[in-house]
Amino acid sequence: MAYVDWMIRGKKFGGCSCDYGCPCEFNARPTHEVCEGFEGMEIEEGHFDGVRLDGLRYGAIYRWPGPIHEGGGIVQGVIDARAIEEQRDALFKILGGEEQEPTTVFNIYGSTIEKELDPVIAPIEFACDIEGRTARMVIPNVIEASLEPIRNPVTGDLHRAIIRLPEGFEFHDGEMASSRFKGTGEIKMDRANCYGVLTSVAYGPYGIIDD
């Protein structure tokens, strides 16, 4: 099937309420049964059918009552307030799973969502240092989130770990980190010292674009 030509490339990070490593990455059940989390991305380079998306950001906060693949999730997406109407429409289509295969990250997660709250248009404070394994995202009245390196519980030294998923649909290589996040809007949550991941990735109509 032919799709509109689109691509988004940039730094992305997220976290969830599970232990470091995230059981989902190993086809296991969530650490605490319920799965709560967030993600954010800054598009360093992107386009959708002639509409440039460079420099824009998006975020999301979500919750599932059990394993993600069992469904029943709730999500609220956020689009960068700097986006003009054409850019908003383009991002809504990409994040909503339009003009892409059903096996892409947006459609796979989307198929598990039971309730989608009205999207938010807001400024998104975003910083992501993949090598340093630190990140921060703040969206007023939605979420406050940060990542920092995992530390050795005995020595306090920084501990580096990488998950490599050659056939992953969300990322292929992810730097592990410790996440802290608080839902401050319609979806309430407050988590700390749990799974976090930072990655650089590109998506298109057929999924991850390998360099």
Protein backbone atom coordinates (compact mmCIF):
# COMPACT_ATOMS: atom_id res chain seq x y z
CA MET A 1 0.00 0.00 0.00
CA ALA A 2 1.24 3.49 -0.83
CA TYR A 3 1.36 6.07 1.93
CA VAL A 4 1.99 9.79 2.15
CA ASP A 5 5.73 10.42 2.41
CA TRP A 6 6.62 11.30 5.99
CA MET A 7 9.46 10.93 8.48
CA ILE A 8 10.34 12.11 11.97
CA ARG A 9 13.84 11.76 13.41
CA GLY A 10 15.20 12.86 16.78
CA LYS A 11 15.85 12.19 20.42
CA LYS A 12 13.20 10.41 22.41
CA PHE A 13 12.88 9.32 26.02
CA GLY A 14 10.29 7.79 28.27
CA GLY A 15 9.68 5.88 31.44
CA CYS A 16 7.21 3.62 33.14
CA SER A 17 6.32 2.31 36.57
CA CYS A 18 8.21 -0.97 36.11
CA ASP A 19 11.65 -1.94 37.40
CA TYR A 20 14.76 -1.07 35.41
CA GLY A 21 14.83 -2.84 32.06
CA CYS A 22 11.01 -2.97 31.74
CA PRO A 23 9.46 -6.46 31.58
CA CYS A 24 7.64 -5.51 28.35
CA GLU A 25 10.94 -5.59 26.52
CA PHE A 26 11.22 -9.28 27.46
CA ASN A 27 7.57 -10.28 26.94
CA ALA A 28 6.96 -10.43 30.69
CA ARG A 29 4.22 -8.98 32.86
CA PRO A 30 4.50 -5.51 34.45
CA THR A 31 6.33 -5.23 37.75
CA HIS A 32 3.30 -3.82 39.59
CA GLU A 33 0.56 -5.20 37.28
CA VAL A 34 -0.64 -1.70 36.37
CA CYS A 35 1.52 0.11 33.81
CA GLU A 36 1.88 3.89 34.05
CA GLY A 37 4.25 5.96 32.00
CA PHE A 38 5.10 8.71 29.56
CA GLU A 39 7.19 9.56 26.52
CA GLY A 40 8.44 12.62 24.74
CA MET A 41 10.29 13.38 21.53
CA GLU A 42 11.98 16.36 19.93
CA ILE A 43 11.88 16.13 16.14
CA GLU A 44 15.27 17.26 14.90
CA GLU A 45 14.26 16.59 11.31
CA GLY A 46 10.83 15.73 9.97
CA HIS A 47 8.21 16.22 7.30
CA PHE A 48 4.74 15.10 6.30
CA ASP A 49 3.69 15.47 2.66
CA GLY A 50 5.64 18.71 2.24
CA VAL A 51 4.94 20.11 5.73
CA ARG A 52 8.20 20.57 7.67
CA LEU A 53 8.20 19.41 11.30
CA ASP A 54 11.78 20.27 12.29
CA GLY A 55 12.23 21.40 15.88
CA LEU A 56 8.75 20.46 17.11
CA ARG A 57 8.03 18.31 20.14
CA TYR A 58 5.32 15.96 21.30
CA GLY A 59 4.59 14.06 24.49
CA ALA A 60 2.14 11.59 25.97
CA ILE A 61 1.08 10.22 29.35
CA TYR A 62 -0.69 6.89 29.70
CA ARG A 63 -1.93 4.11 31.97
CA TRP A 64 -2.92 0.48 31.43
CA PRO A 65 -4.69 -1.62 34.11
CA GLY A 66 -2.45 -4.60 33.36
CA PRO A 67 -0.08 -5.80 30.63
CA ILE A 68 -0.17 -3.45 27.66
CA HIS A 69 -1.14 -6.17 25.19
CA GLU A 70 -4.31 -6.87 27.19
CA GLY A 71 -5.57 -3.36 26.39
CA GLY A 72 -7.83 -1.09 28.38
CA GLY A 73 -5.39 1.82 28.30
CA ILE A 74 -5.98 5.53 28.69
CA VAL A 75 -3.76 8.14 27.05
CA GLN A 76 -3.45 11.87 26.62
CA GLY A 77 -1.23 13.28 23.89
CA VAL A 78 0.39 16.70 23.75
CA ILE A 79 1.41 18.71 20.70
CA ASP A 80 3.94 21.54 20.83
CA ALA A 81 2.25 24.94 21.15
CA ARG A 82 4.70 26.33 18.57
CA ALA A 83 3.21 24.18 15.81
CA ILE A 84 1.03 25.97 13.27
CA GLU A 85 -2.23 24.43 12.10
CA GLU A 86 -0.70 22.45 9.21
CA GLN A 87 1.98 21.04 11.49
CA ARG A 88 -0.55 20.10 14.15
CA ASP A 89 -2.66 18.27 11.60
CA ALA A 90 0.42 16.41 10.35
CA LEU A 91 1.48 15.36 13.84
CA PHE A 92 -2.05 14.26 14.74
CA LYS A 93 -2.06 12.02 11.68
CA ILE A 94 1.34 10.51 12.46
CA LEU A 95 0.67 9.96 16.17
CA GLY A 96 -2.83 8.70 15.38
CA GLY A 97 -1.45 5.95 13.16
CA GLU A 98 -2.62 7.35 9.82
CA GLU A 99 -0.60 6.88 6.62
CA GLN A 100 1.42 3.98 8.04
CA GLU A 101 1.49 0.23 8.45
CA PRO A 102 -0.41 -1.35 11.37
CA THR A 103 2.91 -2.68 12.67
CA THR A 104 4.33 0.77 13.48
CA VAL A 105 4.85 1.91 17.08
CA PHE A 106 1.94 4.37 16.94
CA ASN A 107 -0.53 1.77 15.71
CA ILE A 108 0.67 -1.01 18.01
CA TYR A 109 0.25 1.12 21.13
CA GLY A 110 -2.88 2.73 19.73
CA SER A 111 -4.56 -0.67 19.39
CA THR A 112 -4.32 -1.11 23.18
CA ILE A 113 -6.00 2.20 24.06
CA GLU A 114 -9.61 2.14 25.23
CA LYS A 115 -9.95 5.83 26.10
CA GLU A 116 -8.15 8.75 24.50
CA LEU A 117 -8.48 12.05 26.31
CA ASP A 118 -8.67 15.27 24.33
CA PRO A 119 -5.18 16.17 23.14
CA VAL A 120 -3.43 19.16 24.69
CA ILE A 121 -1.72 21.97 22.80
CA ALA A 122 0.91 23.34 25.15
CA PRO A 123 4.52 24.43 25.50
CA ILE A 124 6.79 21.44 26.10
CA GLU A 125 10.00 21.94 28.06
CA PHE A 126 12.35 19.25 26.73
CA ALA A 127 15.99 18.30 27.27
CA CYS A 128 17.64 14.98 26.42
CA ASP A 129 21.31 14.00 26.79
CA ILE A 130 21.53 10.38 25.64
CA GLU A 131 25.26 9.96 26.39
CA GLY A 132 24.83 11.47 29.85
CA ARG A 133 21.59 9.53 30.41
CA THR A 134 19.75 12.59 31.67
CA ALA A 135 16.51 14.10 30.42
CA ARG A 136 13.67 16.36 31.46
CA MET A 137 10.19 17.12 30.16
CA VAL A 138 7.67 19.48 31.70
CA ILE A 139 4.21 20.09 30.26
CA PRO A 140 2.05 22.41 32.38
CA ASN A 141 -0.96 20.67 33.93
CA VAL A 142 -0.01 17.36 32.29
CA ILE A 143 3.29 15.91 33.48
CA GLU A 144 6.67 16.57 35.04
CA ALA A 145 9.31 13.94 34.21
CA SER A 146 13.05 13.49 34.51
CA LEU A 147 15.68 10.81 33.92
CA GLU A 148 19.07 10.31 35.52
CA PRO A 149 21.70 7.57 35.39
CA ILE A 150 21.11 4.39 37.35
CA ARG A 151 23.48 4.16 40.31
CA ASN A 152 25.18 1.19 41.89
CA PRO A 153 23.28 0.64 45.18
CA VAL A 154 26.51 -0.20 47.05
CA THR A 155 29.08 2.27 45.71
CA GLY A 156 26.83 4.97 44.26
CA ASP A 157 28.80 4.86 41.01
CA LEU A 158 26.99 5.46 37.74
CA HIS A 159 25.81 2.22 36.16
CA ARG A 160 25.45 2.00 32.40
CA ALA A 161 23.18 -0.53 30.68
CA ILE A 162 21.87 -0.73 27.12
CA ILE A 163 18.94 -2.73 25.75
CA ARG A 164 19.38 -3.82 22.14
CA LEU A 165 16.28 -4.96 20.28
CA PRO A 166 17.21 -5.76 16.66
CA GLU A 167 13.55 -6.37 15.80
CA GLY A 168 12.06 -3.77 18.15
CA PHE A 169 9.23 -1.57 16.91
CA GLU A 170 9.87 1.32 19.32
CA PHE A 171 13.68 1.45 19.30
CA HIS A 172 16.63 -0.77 18.44
CA ASP A 173 19.14 0.55 21.01
CA GLY A 174 18.12 2.24 24.23
CA GLU A 175 20.22 3.69 27.05
CA MET A 176 18.74 2.67 30.39
CA ALA A 177 18.11 5.25 33.09
CA SER A 178 16.18 5.87 36.29
CA SER A 179 12.95 7.80 35.81
CA ARG A 180 10.83 10.02 38.00
CA PHE A 181 7.49 11.33 36.78
CA LYS A 182 4.31 12.89 38.11
CA GLY A 183 1.00 13.24 36.31
CA THR A 184 -0.35 16.69 37.12
CA GLY A 185 -3.42 16.76 34.89
CA GLU A 186 -6.34 14.42 34.18
CA ILE A 187 -4.17 11.32 34.51
CA LYS A 188 -2.70 11.28 38.01
CA MET A 189 0.40 9.30 38.96
CA ASP A 190 3.60 9.73 40.95
CA ARG A 191 6.52 7.37 40.36
CA ALA A 192 10.24 7.38 41.10
CA ASN A 193 13.30 5.13 40.77
CA CYS A 194 11.83 3.11 37.92
CA TYR A 195 12.48 2.28 34.27
CA GLY A 196 13.67 4.96 31.91
CA VAL A 197 15.05 4.84 28.37
CA LEU A 198 16.71 7.33 26.03
CA THR A 199 17.18 6.73 22.33
CA SER A 200 17.71 8.38 18.98
CA VAL A 201 15.26 7.07 16.42
CA ALA A 202 13.57 7.77 13.11
CA TYR A 203 10.07 6.64 12.11
CA GLY A 204 8.30 6.48 8.76
CA PRO A 205 5.27 4.77 7.18
CA TYR A 206 6.84 1.32 7.56
CA GLY A 207 8.23 1.69 11.08
CA ILE A 208 11.76 2.38 12.29
CA ILE A 209 14.08 3.79 9.64
CA ASP A 210 17.57 2.36 9.99
CA ASP A 211 20.47 4.64 9.14
